[in-house]
Amino acid sequence: MHWALAEVMPAAPPSMTMPVTGVAKAVQAIGTYEALIAQRPARSRFDDFAAGQLGRRRGLLESAGHLQPDASTAWDPCGWAHGDFHDLSVLWGERGQLAAVLDLDRLGPRPYAFSSCER
């Protein structure tokens, strides 16, 4: 998809800076989701799974948050990317071939490492 977009879109810059959510903001968001799960009258299996994942993410932030790049870090390579690519953005044909890519409202140039992030 990146190659096809490069053929029809204007040239993307070779490198770009991207905002990265700060550790404190990410920990705060985790706390918000953990509180929502704790308030549920009866937890589902998904709630239990999500709570476990949130705890793991908190642990990763505590152990590696100091490695976060600053806002001036230039990322490359860059090019045009969908911006929100997931299974619901793809339609498949009857024989398993790609039929369409949908939901291009977040299309834009960005570092490929951030190709599924809103800018």
PDB file of N, CA and C in Angstrom:
ATOM      1  N   MET A   1       0.823  -1.180   0.000  1.00  0.00           N
ATOM      2  CA  MET A   1       0.000   0.000   0.000  1.00  0.00           C
ATOM      3  C   MET A   1       0.871   1.249   0.000  1.00  0.00           C
ATOM      4  N   HIS A   2       1.970   1.224   0.761  1.00  0.00           N
ATOM      5  CA  HIS A   2       2.853   2.386   0.785  1.00  0.00           C
ATOM      6  C   HIS A   2       3.425   2.669  -0.597  1.00  0.00           C
ATOM      7  N   TRP A   3       3.798   1.631  -1.322  1.00  0.00           N
ATOM      8  CA  TRP A   3       4.348   1.827  -2.669  1.00  0.00           C
ATOM      9  C   TRP A   3       3.298   2.419  -3.604  1.00  0.00           C
ATOM     10  N   ALA A   4       2.072   1.926  -3.509  1.00  0.00           N
ATOM     11  CA  ALA A   4       1.009   2.445  -4.377  1.00  0.00           C
ATOM     12  C   ALA A   4       0.718   3.907  -4.060  1.00  0.00           C
ATOM     13  N   LEU A   5       0.682   4.253  -2.786  1.00  0.00           N
ATOM     14  CA  LEU A   5       0.448   5.649  -2.407  1.00  0.00           C
ATOM     15  C   LEU A   5       1.585   6.544  -2.900  1.00  0.00           C
ATOM     16  N   ALA A   6       2.825   6.063  -2.834  1.00  0.00           N
ATOM     17  CA  ALA A   6       3.971   6.857  -3.282  1.00  0.00           C
ATOM     18  C   ALA A   6       3.877   7.181  -4.766  1.00  0.00           C
ATOM     19  N   GLU A   7       3.211   6.327  -5.539  1.00  0.00           N
ATOM     20  CA  GLU A   7       3.082   6.563  -6.984  1.00  0.00           C
ATOM     21  C   GLU A   7       2.066   7.649  -7.315  1.00  0.00           C
ATOM     22  N   VAL A   8       1.062   7.849  -6.471  1.00  0.00           N
ATOM     23  CA  VAL A   8      -0.018   8.770  -6.816  1.00  0.00           C
ATOM     24  C   VAL A   8      -0.069  10.029  -5.951  1.00  0.00           C
ATOM     25  N   MET A   9       0.699  10.079  -4.876  1.00  0.00           N
ATOM     26  CA  MET A   9       0.673  11.224  -3.975  1.00  0.00           C
ATOM     27  C   MET A   9       1.941  12.065  -4.159  1.00  0.00           C
ATOM     28  N   PRO A  10       1.918  13.316  -3.711  1.00  0.00           N
ATOM     29  CA  PRO A  10       3.148  14.130  -3.763  1.00  0.00           C
ATOM     30  C   PRO A  10       4.245  13.478  -2.907  1.00  0.00           C
ATOM     31  N   ALA A  11       5.473  13.844  -3.174  1.00  0.00           N
ATOM     32  CA  ALA A  11       6.590  13.279  -2.414  1.00  0.00           C
ATOM     33  C   ALA A  11       6.457  13.614  -0.932  1.00  0.00           C
ATOM     34  N   ALA A  12       6.756  12.638  -0.104  1.00  0.00           N
ATOM     35  CA  ALA A  12       6.765  12.838   1.343  1.00  0.00           C
ATOM     36  C   ALA A  12       8.172  13.252   1.763  1.00  0.00           C
ATOM     37  N   PRO A  13       8.298  13.978   2.871  1.00  0.00           N
ATOM     38  CA  PRO A  13       9.639  14.335   3.329  1.00  0.00           C
ATOM     39  C   PRO A  13      10.421  13.082   3.720  1.00  0.00           C
ATOM     40  N   PRO A  14      11.752  13.123   3.641  1.00  0.00           N
ATOM     41  CA  PRO A  14      12.546  11.936   3.967  1.00  0.00           C
ATOM     42  C   PRO A  14      12.538  11.582   5.453  1.00  0.00           C
ATOM     43  N   SER A  15      12.347  12.575   6.319  1.00  0.00           N
ATOM     44  CA  SER A  15      12.250  12.315   7.754  1.00  0.00           C
ATOM     45  C   SER A  15      11.286  13.325   8.368  1.00  0.00           C
ATOM     46  N   MET A  16      10.741  12.958   9.523  1.00  0.00           N
ATOM     47  CA  MET A  16       9.775  13.817  10.204  1.00  0.00           C
ATOM     48  C   MET A  16       9.903  13.612  11.707  1.00  0.00           C
ATOM     49  N   THR A  17       9.507  14.638  12.454  1.00  0.00           N
ATOM     50  CA  THR A  17       9.362  14.468  13.895  1.00  0.00           C
ATOM     51  C   THR A  17       7.905  14.112  14.168  1.00  0.00           C
ATOM     52  N   MET A  18       7.676  13.372  15.234  1.00  0.00           N
ATOM     53  CA  MET A  18       6.319  12.976  15.604  1.00  0.00           C
ATOM     54  C   MET A  18       6.136  13.161  17.099  1.00  0.00           C
ATOM     55  N   PRO A  19       4.980  13.672  17.506  1.00  0.00           N
ATOM     56  CA  PRO A  19       4.735  13.767  18.945  1.00  0.00           C
ATOM     57  C   PRO A  19       4.577  12.369  19.536  1.00  0.00           C
ATOM     58  N   VAL A  20       5.132  12.175  20.699  1.00  0.00           N
ATOM     59  CA  VAL A  20       5.026  10.904  21.399  1.00  0.00           C
ATOM     60  C   VAL A  20       4.350  11.180  22.734  1.00  0.00           C
ATOM     61  N   THR A  21       3.342  10.392  23.065  1.00  0.00           N
ATOM     62  CA  THR A  21       2.645  10.581  24.336  1.00  0.00           C
ATOM     63  C   THR A  21       3.626  10.436  25.478  1.00  0.00           C
ATOM     64  N   GLY A  22       3.632  11.401  26.378  1.00  0.00           N
ATOM     65  CA  GLY A  22       4.527  11.365  27.527  1.00  0.00           C
ATOM     66  C   GLY A  22       4.177  10.226  28.484  1.00  0.00           C
ATOM     67  N   VAL A  23       5.170   9.787  29.238  1.00  0.00           N
ATOM     68  CA  VAL A  23       4.983   8.684  30.178  1.00  0.00           C
ATOM     69  C   VAL A  23       3.902   9.023  31.196  1.00  0.00           C
ATOM     70  N   ALA A  24       3.927  10.220  31.756  1.00  0.00           N
ATOM     71  CA  ALA A  24       2.939  10.597  32.777  1.00  0.00           C
ATOM     72  C   ALA A  24       1.516  10.557  32.208  1.00  0.00           C
ATOM     73  N   LYS A  25       1.343  11.050  30.990  1.00  0.00           N
ATOM     74  CA  LYS A  25       0.018  11.037  30.365  1.00  0.00           C
ATOM     75  C   LYS A  25      -0.441   9.605  30.101  1.00  0.00           C
ATOM     76  N   ALA A  26       0.479   8.743  29.659  1.00  0.00           N
ATOM     77  CA  ALA A  26       0.133   7.341  29.403  1.00  0.00           C
ATOM     78  C   ALA A  26      -0.243   6.634  30.705  1.00  0.00           C
ATOM     79  N   VAL A  27       0.512   6.876  31.772  1.00  0.00           N
ATOM     80  CA  VAL A  27       0.194   6.263  33.074  1.00  0.00           C
ATOM     81  C   VAL A  27      -1.162   6.759  33.563  1.00  0.00           C
ATOM     82  N   GLN A  28      -1.449   8.025  33.359  1.00  0.00           N
ATOM     83  CA  GLN A  28      -2.747   8.577  33.750  1.00  0.00           C
ATOM     84  C   GLN A  28      -3.880   7.897  32.975  1.00  0.00           C
ATOM     85  N   ALA A  29      -3.700   7.699  31.684  1.00  0.00           N
ATOM     86  CA  ALA A  29      -4.720   7.029  30.871  1.00  0.00           C
ATOM     87  C   ALA A  29      -4.919   5.596  31.342  1.00  0.00           C
ATOM     88  N   ILE A  30      -3.836   4.897  31.653  1.00  0.00           N
ATOM     89  CA  ILE A  30      -3.954   3.535  32.180  1.00  0.00           C
ATOM     90  C   ILE A  30      -4.769   3.544  33.462  1.00  0.00           C
ATOM     91  N   GLY A  31      -4.479   4.491  34.346  1.00  0.00           N
ATOM     92  CA  GLY A  31      -5.236   4.601  35.595  1.00  0.00           C
ATOM     93  C   GLY A  31      -6.715   4.849  35.365  1.00  0.00           C
ATOM     94  N   THR A  32      -7.036   5.653  34.367  1.00  0.00           N
ATOM     95  CA  THR A  32      -8.441   5.921  34.036  1.00  0.00           C
ATOM     96  C   THR A  32      -9.141   4.646  33.608  1.00  0.00           C
ATOM     97  N   TYR A  33      -8.494   3.879  32.731  1.00  0.00           N
ATOM     98  CA  TYR A  33      -9.101   2.625  32.271  1.00  0.00           C
ATOM     99  C   TYR A  33      -9.191   1.597  33.395  1.00  0.00           C
ATOM    100  N   GLU A  34      -8.175   1.536  34.236  1.00  0.00           N
ATOM    101  CA  GLU A  34      -8.230   0.608  35.377  1.00  0.00           C
ATOM    102  C   GLU A  34      -9.385   0.967  36.311  1.00  0.00           C
ATOM    103  N   ALA A  35      -9.609   2.266  36.525  1.00  0.00           N
ATOM    104  CA  ALA A  35     -10.715   2.705  37.383  1.00  0.00           C
ATOM    105  C   ALA A  35     -12.063   2.343  36.778  1.00  0.00           C
ATOM    106  N   LEU A  36     -12.193   2.485  35.466  1.00  0.00           N
ATOM    107  CA  LEU A  36     -13.447   2.112  34.803  1.00  0.00           C
ATOM    108  C   LEU A  36     -13.728   0.621  34.964  1.00  0.00           C
ATOM    109  N   ILE A  37     -12.694  -0.196  34.826  1.00  0.00           N
ATOM    110  CA  ILE A  37     -12.864  -1.643  35.004  1.00  0.00           C
ATOM    111  C   ILE A  37     -13.244  -1.954  36.441  1.00  0.00           C
ATOM    112  N   ALA A  38     -12.591  -1.291  37.388  1.00  0.00           N
ATOM    113  CA  ALA A  38     -12.875  -1.538  38.818  1.00  0.00           C
ATOM    114  C   ALA A  38     -14.299  -1.151  39.195  1.00  0.00           C
ATOM    115  N   GLN A  39     -14.896  -0.198  38.500  1.00  0.00           N
ATOM    116  CA  GLN A  39     -16.255   0.268  38.807  1.00  0.00           C
ATOM    117  C   GLN A  39     -17.344  -0.640  38.258  1.00  0.00           C
ATOM    118  N   ARG A  40     -16.978  -1.552  37.390  1.00  0.00           N
ATOM    119  CA  ARG A  40     -17.995  -2.427  36.794  1.00  0.00           C
ATOM    120  C   ARG A  40     -18.585  -3.338  37.864  1.00  0.00           C
ATOM    121  N   PRO A  41     -19.902  -3.518  37.872  1.00  0.00           N
ATOM    122  CA  PRO A  41     -20.532  -4.367  38.892  1.00  0.00           C
ATOM    123  C   PRO A  41     -20.110  -5.836  38.771  1.00  0.00           C
ATOM    124  N   ALA A  42     -19.881  -6.296  37.553  1.00  0.00           N
ATOM    125  CA  ALA A  42     -19.429  -7.670  37.336  1.00  0.00           C
ATOM    126  C   ALA A  42     -18.420  -7.636  36.191  1.00  0.00           C
ATOM    127  N   ARG A  43     -17.221  -8.137  36.451  1.00  0.00           N
ATOM    128  CA  ARG A  43     -16.187  -8.120  35.424  1.00  0.00           C
ATOM    129  C   ARG A  43     -16.348  -9.297  34.481  1.00  0.00           C
ATOM    130  N   SER A  44     -16.170  -9.004  33.201  1.00  0.00           N
ATOM    131  CA  SER A  44     -16.204 -10.049  32.176  1.00  0.00           C
ATOM    132  C   SER A  44     -14.792 -10.599  31.983  1.00  0.00           C
ATOM    133  N   ARG A  45     -14.686 -11.636  31.176  1.00  0.00           N
ATOM    134  CA  ARG A  45     -13.367 -12.169  30.836  1.00  0.00           C
ATOM    135  C   ARG A  45     -12.546 -11.113  30.100  1.00  0.00           C
ATOM    136  N   PHE A  46     -13.220 -10.309  29.275  1.00  0.00           N
ATOM    137  CA  PHE A  46     -12.507  -9.241  28.583  1.00  0.00           C
ATOM    138  C   PHE A  46     -11.988  -8.208  29.573  1.00  0.00           C
ATOM    139  N   ASP A  47     -12.791  -7.853  30.562  1.00  0.00           N
ATOM    140  CA  ASP A  47     -12.330  -6.910  31.587  1.00  0.00           C
ATOM    141  C   ASP A  47     -11.068  -7.432  32.268  1.00  0.00           C
ATOM    142  N   ASP A  48     -11.075  -8.720  32.616  1.00  0.00           N
ATOM    143  CA  ASP A  48      -9.902  -9.318  33.249  1.00  0.00           C
ATOM    144  C   ASP A  48      -8.688  -9.272  32.323  1.00  0.00           C
ATOM    145  N   PHE A  49      -8.911  -9.582  31.052  1.00  0.00           N
ATOM    146  CA  PHE A  49      -7.826  -9.529  30.072  1.00  0.00           C
ATOM    147  C   PHE A  49      -7.290  -8.111  29.958  1.00  0.00           C
ATOM    148  N   ALA A  50      -8.198  -7.132  29.809  1.00  0.00           N
ATOM    149  CA  ALA A  50      -7.789  -5.732  29.654  1.00  0.00           C
ATOM    150  C   ALA A  50      -7.033  -5.255  30.894  1.00  0.00           C
ATOM    151  N   ALA A  51      -7.495  -5.620  32.069  1.00  0.00           N
ATOM    152  CA  ALA A  51      -6.815  -5.215  33.300  1.00  0.00           C
ATOM    153  C   ALA A  51      -5.394  -5.771  33.331  1.00  0.00           C
ATOM    154  N   GLY A  52      -5.225  -7.013  32.915  1.00  0.00           N
ATOM    155  CA  GLY A  52      -3.893  -7.603  32.859  1.00  0.00           C
ATOM    156  C   GLY A  52      -2.989  -6.891  31.871  1.00  0.00           C
ATOM    157  N   GLN A  53      -3.534  -6.562  30.692  1.00  0.00           N
ATOM    158  CA  GLN A  53      -2.753  -5.857  29.676  1.00  0.00           C
ATOM    159  C   GLN A  53      -2.362  -4.464  30.161  1.00  0.00           C
ATOM    160  N   LEU A  54      -3.296  -3.794  30.826  1.00  0.00           N
ATOM    161  CA  LEU A  54      -2.991  -2.468  31.351  1.00  0.00           C
ATOM    162  C   LEU A  54      -1.871  -2.537  32.381  1.00  0.00           C
ATOM    163  N   GLY A  55      -1.912  -3.547  33.242  1.00  0.00           N
ATOM    164  CA  GLY A  55      -0.848  -3.726  34.226  1.00  0.00           C
ATOM    165  C   GLY A  55       0.500  -3.975  33.563  1.00  0.00           C
ATOM    166  N   ARG A  56       0.505  -4.767  32.506  1.00  0.00           N
ATOM    167  CA  ARG A  56       1.756  -5.020  31.775  1.00  0.00           C
ATOM    168  C   ARG A  56       2.278  -3.739  31.122  1.00  0.00           C
ATOM    169  N   ARG A  57       1.373  -2.961  30.570  1.00  0.00           N
ATOM    170  CA  ARG A  57       1.786  -1.705  29.933  1.00  0.00           C
ATOM    171  C   ARG A  57       2.346  -0.735  30.974  1.00  0.00           C
ATOM    172  N   ARG A  58       1.727  -0.684  32.142  1.00  0.00           N
ATOM    173  CA  ARG A  58       2.246   0.164  33.220  1.00  0.00           C
ATOM    174  C   ARG A  58       3.669  -0.290  33.582  1.00  0.00           C
ATOM    175  N   GLY A  59       3.871  -1.595  33.680  1.00  0.00           N
ATOM    176  CA  GLY A  59       5.196  -2.128  33.984  1.00  0.00           C
ATOM    177  C   GLY A  59       6.224  -1.760  32.924  1.00  0.00           C
ATOM    178  N   LEU A  60       5.826  -1.828  31.660  1.00  0.00           N
ATOM    179  CA  LEU A  60       6.737  -1.430  30.585  1.00  0.00           C
ATOM    180  C   LEU A  60       7.109   0.043  30.688  1.00  0.00           C
ATOM    181  N   LEU A  61       6.130   0.868  30.995  1.00  0.00           N
ATOM    182  CA  LEU A  61       6.414   2.294  31.141  1.00  0.00           C
ATOM    183  C   LEU A  61       7.369   2.546  32.306  1.00  0.00           C
ATOM    184  N   GLU A  62       7.163   1.818  33.407  1.00  0.00           N
ATOM    185  CA  GLU A  62       8.038   1.999  34.563  1.00  0.00           C
ATOM    186  C   GLU A  62       9.460   1.544  34.268  1.00  0.00           C
ATOM    187  N   SER A  63       9.603   0.470  33.486  1.00  0.00           N
ATOM    188  CA  SER A  63      10.942  -0.058  33.232  1.00  0.00           C
ATOM    189  C   SER A  63      11.644   0.593  32.042  1.00  0.00           C
ATOM    190  N   ALA A  64      10.902   1.110  31.083  1.00  0.00           N
ATOM    191  CA  ALA A  64      11.537   1.624  29.872  1.00  0.00           C
ATOM    192  C   ALA A  64      11.138   3.052  29.515  1.00  0.00           C
ATOM    193  N   GLY A  65      10.319   3.683  30.321  1.00  0.00           N
ATOM    194  CA  GLY A  65       9.862   5.038  30.002  1.00  0.00           C
ATOM    195  C   GLY A  65      10.988   6.039  29.839  1.00  0.00           C
ATOM    196  N   HIS A  66      12.092   5.816  30.545  1.00  0.00           N
ATOM    197  CA  HIS A  66      13.228   6.732  30.443  1.00  0.00           C
ATOM    198  C   HIS A  66      13.900   6.675  29.067  1.00  0.00           C
ATOM    199  N   LEU A  67      13.572   5.676  28.268  1.00  0.00           N
ATOM    200  CA  LEU A  67      14.143   5.538  26.928  1.00  0.00           C
ATOM    201  C   LEU A  67      13.324   6.254  25.856  1.00  0.00           C
ATOM    202  N   GLN A  68      12.238   6.879  26.245  1.00  0.00           N
ATOM    203  CA  GLN A  68      11.352   7.528  25.287  1.00  0.00           C
ATOM    204  C   GLN A  68      12.095   8.626  24.530  1.00  0.00           C
ATOM    205  N   PRO A  69      11.940   8.668  23.211  1.00  0.00           N
ATOM    206  CA  PRO A  69      12.593   9.733  22.435  1.00  0.00           C
ATOM    207  C   PRO A  69      11.941  11.078  22.734  1.00  0.00           C
ATOM    208  N   ASP A  70      12.711  12.143  22.577  1.00  0.00           N
ATOM    209  CA  ASP A  70      12.120  13.464  22.789  1.00  0.00           C
ATOM    210  C   ASP A  70      11.450  13.945  21.500  1.00  0.00           C
ATOM    211  N   ALA A  71      10.762  15.054  21.602  1.00  0.00           N
ATOM    212  CA  ALA A  71       9.951  15.551  20.478  1.00  0.00           C
ATOM    213  C   ALA A  71      10.791  15.987  19.284  1.00  0.00           C
ATOM    214  N   SER A  72      12.084  16.187  19.465  1.00  0.00           N
ATOM    215  CA  SER A  72      12.920  16.630  18.339  1.00  0.00           C
ATOM    216  C   SER A  72      13.531  15.464  17.555  1.00  0.00           C
ATOM    217  N   THR A  73      13.247  14.227  17.955  1.00  0.00           N
ATOM    218  CA  THR A  73      13.784  13.068  17.251  1.00  0.00           C
ATOM    219  C   THR A  73      13.195  12.993  15.850  1.00  0.00           C
ATOM    220  N   ALA A  74      14.048  12.925  14.848  1.00  0.00           N
ATOM    221  CA  ALA A  74      13.602  12.793  13.457  1.00  0.00           C
ATOM    222  C   ALA A  74      13.522  11.304  13.115  1.00  0.00           C
ATOM    223  N   TRP A  75      12.391  10.892  12.563  1.00  0.00           N
ATOM    224  CA  TRP A  75      12.150   9.497  12.217  1.00  0.00           C
ATOM    225  C   TRP A  75      12.185   9.323  10.711  1.00  0.00           C
ATOM    226  N   ASP A  76      12.748   8.226  10.272  1.00  0.00           N
ATOM    227  CA  ASP A  76      12.728   7.882   8.857  1.00  0.00           C
ATOM    228  C   ASP A  76      12.730   6.362   8.744  1.00  0.00           C
ATOM    229  N   PRO A  77      12.333   5.809   7.625  1.00  0.00           N
ATOM    230  CA  PRO A  77      11.860   6.465   6.412  1.00  0.00           C
ATOM    231  C   PRO A  77      10.416   6.952   6.583  1.00  0.00           C
ATOM    232  N   CYS A  78      10.051   7.880   5.726  1.00  0.00           N
ATOM    233  CA  CYS A  78       8.706   8.447   5.747  1.00  0.00           C
ATOM    234  C   CYS A  78       8.018   8.232   4.397  1.00  0.00           C
ATOM    235  N   GLY A  79       6.723   8.301   4.425  1.00  0.00           N
ATOM    236  CA  GLY A  79       5.932   8.199   3.202  1.00  0.00           C
ATOM    237  C   GLY A  79       4.459   8.341   3.547  1.00  0.00           C
ATOM    238  N   TRP A  80       3.639   8.188   2.548  1.00  0.00           N
ATOM    239  CA  TRP A  80       2.198   8.285   2.758  1.00  0.00           C
ATOM    240  C   TRP A  80       1.704   6.995   3.404  1.00  0.00           C
ATOM    241  N   ALA A  81       0.871   7.136   4.418  1.00  0.00           N
ATOM    242  CA  ALA A  81       0.356   5.975   5.136  1.00  0.00           C
ATOM    243  C   ALA A  81      -1.117   6.177   5.454  1.00  0.00           C
ATOM    244  N   HIS A  82      -1.822   5.101   5.584  1.00  0.00           N
ATOM    245  CA  HIS A  82      -3.256   5.080   5.842  1.00  0.00           C
ATOM    246  C   HIS A  82      -3.599   5.851   7.112  1.00  0.00           C
ATOM    247  N   GLY A  83      -2.876   5.608   8.169  1.00  0.00           N
ATOM    248  CA  GLY A  83      -3.072   6.334   9.415  1.00  0.00           C
ATOM    249  C   GLY A  83      -3.967   5.649  10.424  1.00  0.00           C
ATOM    250  N   ASP A  84      -4.731   4.651  10.006  1.00  0.00           N
ATOM    251  CA  ASP A  84      -5.627   3.928  10.918  1.00  0.00           C
ATOM    252  C   ASP A  84      -5.894   2.538  10.339  1.00  0.00           C
ATOM    253  N   PHE A  85      -4.850   1.868   9.910  1.00  0.00           N
ATOM    254  CA  PHE A  85      -4.997   0.611   9.181  1.00  0.00           C
ATOM    255  C   PHE A  85      -5.221  -0.549  10.144  1.00  0.00           C
ATOM    256  N   HIS A  86      -6.315  -1.252   9.967  1.00  0.00           N
ATOM    257  CA  HIS A  86      -6.650  -2.444  10.758  1.00  0.00           C
ATOM    258  C   HIS A  86      -7.627  -3.285   9.948  1.00  0.00           C
ATOM    259  N   ASP A  87      -8.049  -4.401  10.512  1.00  0.00           N
ATOM    260  CA  ASP A  87      -8.872  -5.357   9.765  1.00  0.00           C
ATOM    261  C   ASP A  87     -10.188  -4.774   9.260  1.00  0.00           C
ATOM    262  N   LEU A  88     -10.738  -3.793   9.927  1.00  0.00           N
ATOM    263  CA  LEU A  88     -12.015  -3.223   9.490  1.00  0.00           C
ATOM    264  C   LEU A  88     -11.844  -2.215   8.343  1.00  0.00           C
ATOM    265  N   SER A  89     -10.600  -1.905   7.989  1.00  0.00           N
ATOM    266  CA  SER A  89     -10.327  -0.988   6.889  1.00  0.00           C
ATOM    267  C   SER A  89     -10.061  -1.721   5.574  1.00  0.00           C
ATOM    268  N   VAL A  90     -10.223  -3.041   5.572  1.00  0.00           N
ATOM    269  CA  VAL A  90      -9.904  -3.836   4.392  1.00  0.00           C
ATOM    270  C   VAL A  90     -11.116  -4.663   3.975  1.00  0.00           C
ATOM    271  N   LEU A  91     -11.410  -4.660   2.677  1.00  0.00           N
ATOM    272  CA  LEU A  91     -12.439  -5.540   2.128  1.00  0.00           C
ATOM    273  C   LEU A  91     -11.745  -6.567   1.247  1.00  0.00           C
ATOM    274  N   TRP A  92     -12.162  -7.816   1.393  1.00  0.00           N
ATOM    275  CA  TRP A  92     -11.573  -8.917   0.628  1.00  0.00           C
ATOM    276  C   TRP A  92     -12.576  -9.422  -0.396  1.00  0.00           C
ATOM    277  N   GLY A  93     -12.068  -9.824  -1.562  1.00  0.00           N
ATOM    278  CA  GLY A  93     -12.899 -10.391  -2.610  1.00  0.00           C
ATOM    279  C   GLY A  93     -13.251 -11.837  -2.316  1.00  0.00           C
ATOM    280  N   GLU A  94     -14.077 -12.409  -3.169  1.00  0.00           N
ATOM    281  CA  GLU A  94     -14.553 -13.788  -2.986  1.00  0.00           C
ATOM    282  C   GLU A  94     -13.421 -14.807  -2.995  1.00  0.00           C
ATOM    283  N   ARG A  95     -12.351 -14.533  -3.696  1.00  0.00           N
ATOM    284  CA  ARG A  95     -11.231 -15.487  -3.781  1.00  0.00           C
ATOM    285  C   ARG A  95     -10.075 -15.109  -2.858  1.00  0.00           C
ATOM    286  N   GLY A  96     -10.341 -14.244  -1.882  1.00  0.00           N
ATOM    287  CA  GLY A  96      -9.314 -13.867  -0.929  1.00  0.00           C
ATOM    288  C   GLY A  96      -8.393 -12.750  -1.378  1.00  0.00           C
ATOM    289  N   GLN A  97      -8.682 -12.143  -2.523  1.00  0.00           N
ATOM    290  CA  GLN A  97      -7.849 -11.048  -3.003  1.00  0.00           C
ATOM    291  C   GLN A  97      -8.306  -9.731  -2.359  1.00  0.00           C
ATOM    292  N   LEU A  98      -7.380  -8.810  -2.227  1.00  0.00           N
ATOM    293  CA  LEU A  98      -7.695  -7.495  -1.693  1.00  0.00           C
ATOM    294  C   LEU A  98      -8.646  -6.794  -2.652  1.00  0.00           C
ATOM    295  N   ALA A  99      -9.791  -6.356  -2.157  1.00  0.00           N
ATOM    296  CA  ALA A  99     -10.776  -5.686  -3.003  1.00  0.00           C
ATOM    297  C   ALA A  99     -10.771  -4.166  -2.797  1.00  0.00           C
ATOM    298  N   ALA A 100     -10.555  -3.717  -1.553  1.00  0.00           N
ATOM    299  CA  ALA A 100     -10.587  -2.277  -1.280  1.00  0.00           C
ATOM    300  C   ALA A 100      -9.972  -1.984   0.080  1.00  0.00           C
ATOM    301  N   VAL A 101      -9.442  -0.774   0.184  1.00  0.00           N
ATOM    302  CA  VAL A 101      -8.992  -0.238   1.464  1.00  0.00           C
ATOM    303  C   VAL A 101      -9.885   0.962   1.754  1.00  0.00           C
ATOM    304  N   LEU A 102     -10.485   0.975   2.923  1.00  0.00           N
ATOM    305  CA  LEU A 102     -11.469   1.991   3.296  1.00  0.00           C
ATOM    306  C   LEU A 102     -10.915   2.952   4.341  1.00  0.00           C
ATOM    307  N   ASP A 103     -11.704   3.991   4.613  1.00  0.00           N
ATOM    308  CA  ASP A 103     -11.477   4.862   5.767  1.00  0.00           C
ATOM    309  C   ASP A 103     -10.133   5.579   5.664  1.00  0.00           C
ATOM    310  N   LEU A 104      -9.967   6.370   4.623  1.00  0.00           N
ATOM    311  CA  LEU A 104      -8.701   7.054   4.390  1.00  0.00           C
ATOM    312  C   LEU A 104      -8.678   8.472   4.954  1.00  0.00           C
ATOM    313  N   ASP A 105      -9.518   8.764   5.931  1.00  0.00           N
ATOM    314  CA  ASP A 105      -9.581  10.119   6.469  1.00  0.00           C
ATOM    315  C   ASP A 105      -8.325  10.516   7.239  1.00  0.00           C
ATOM    316  N   ARG A 106      -7.483   9.556   7.628  1.00  0.00           N
ATOM    317  CA  ARG A 106      -6.234   9.869   8.330  1.00  0.00           C
ATOM    318  C   ARG A 106      -5.011   9.703   7.431  1.00  0.00           C
ATOM    319  N   LEU A 107      -5.237   9.576   6.128  1.00  0.00           N
ATOM    320  CA  LEU A 107      -4.150   9.461   5.178  1.00  0.00           C
ATOM    321  C   LEU A 107      -3.241  10.675   5.283  1.00  0.00           C
ATOM    322  N   GLY A 108      -1.945  10.428   5.341  1.00  0.00           N
ATOM    323  CA  GLY A 108      -1.006  11.536   5.393  1.00  0.00           C
ATOM    324  C   GLY A 108       0.426  11.050   5.401  1.00  0.00           C
ATOM    325  N   PRO A 109       1.349  11.969   5.152  1.00  0.00           N
ATOM    326  CA  PRO A 109       2.756  11.583   5.242  1.00  0.00           C
ATOM    327  C   PRO A 109       3.156  11.445   6.703  1.00  0.00           C
ATOM    328  N   ARG A 110       3.892  10.371   6.999  1.00  0.00           N
ATOM    329  CA  ARG A 110       4.365  10.131   8.358  1.00  0.00           C
ATOM    330  C   ARG A 110       5.480   9.106   8.306  1.00  0.00           C
ATOM    331  N   PRO A 111       6.257   9.017   9.356  1.00  0.00           N
ATOM    332  CA  PRO A 111       7.240   7.936   9.409  1.00  0.00           C
ATOM    333  C   PRO A 111       6.516   6.594   9.373  1.00  0.00           C
ATOM    334  N   TYR A 112       7.067   5.643   8.647  1.00  0.00           N
ATOM    335  CA  TYR A 112       6.398   4.336   8.555  1.00  0.00           C
ATOM    336  C   TYR A 112       6.253   3.680   9.917  1.00  0.00           C
ATOM    337  N   ALA A 113       7.141   3.961  10.843  1.00  0.00           N
ATOM    338  CA  ALA A 113       7.025   3.398  12.190  1.00  0.00           C
ATOM    339  C   ALA A 113       5.775   3.913  12.896  1.00  0.00           C
ATOM    340  N   PHE A 114       5.204   5.003  12.420  1.00  0.00           N
ATOM    341  CA  PHE A 114       3.997   5.588  13.008  1.00  0.00           C
ATOM    342  C   PHE A 114       2.812   5.437  12.061  1.00  0.00           C
ATOM    343  N   SER A 115       2.849   4.490  11.157  1.00  0.00           N
ATOM    344  CA  SER A 115       1.869   4.435  10.089  1.00  0.00           C
ATOM    345  C   SER A 115       0.440   4.181  10.563  1.00  0.00           C
ATOM    346  N   SER A 116       0.256   3.733  11.791  1.00  0.00           N
ATOM    347  CA  SER A 116      -1.096   3.509  12.302  1.00  0.00           C
ATOM    348  C   SER A 116      -1.448   4.493  13.400  1.00  0.00           C
ATOM    349  N   CYS A 117      -0.807   5.627  13.427  1.00  0.00           N
ATOM    350  CA  CYS A 117      -1.049   6.608  14.474  1.00  0.00           C
ATOM    351  C   CYS A 117      -1.659   7.867  13.884  1.00  0.00           C
ATOM    352  N   GLU A 118      -2.557   8.463  14.628  1.00  0.00           N
ATOM    353  CA  GLU A 118      -3.117   9.732  14.182  1.00  0.00           C
ATOM    354  C   GLU A 118      -2.079  10.816  14.387  1.00  0.00           C
ATOM    355  N   ARG A 119      -1.994  11.711  13.474  1.00  0.00           N
ATOM    356  CA  ARG A 119      -1.031  12.809  13.581  1.00  0.00           C
ATOM    357  C   ARG A 119      -1.742  14.078  13.919  1.00  0.00           C
TER     358      ARG A 119
END
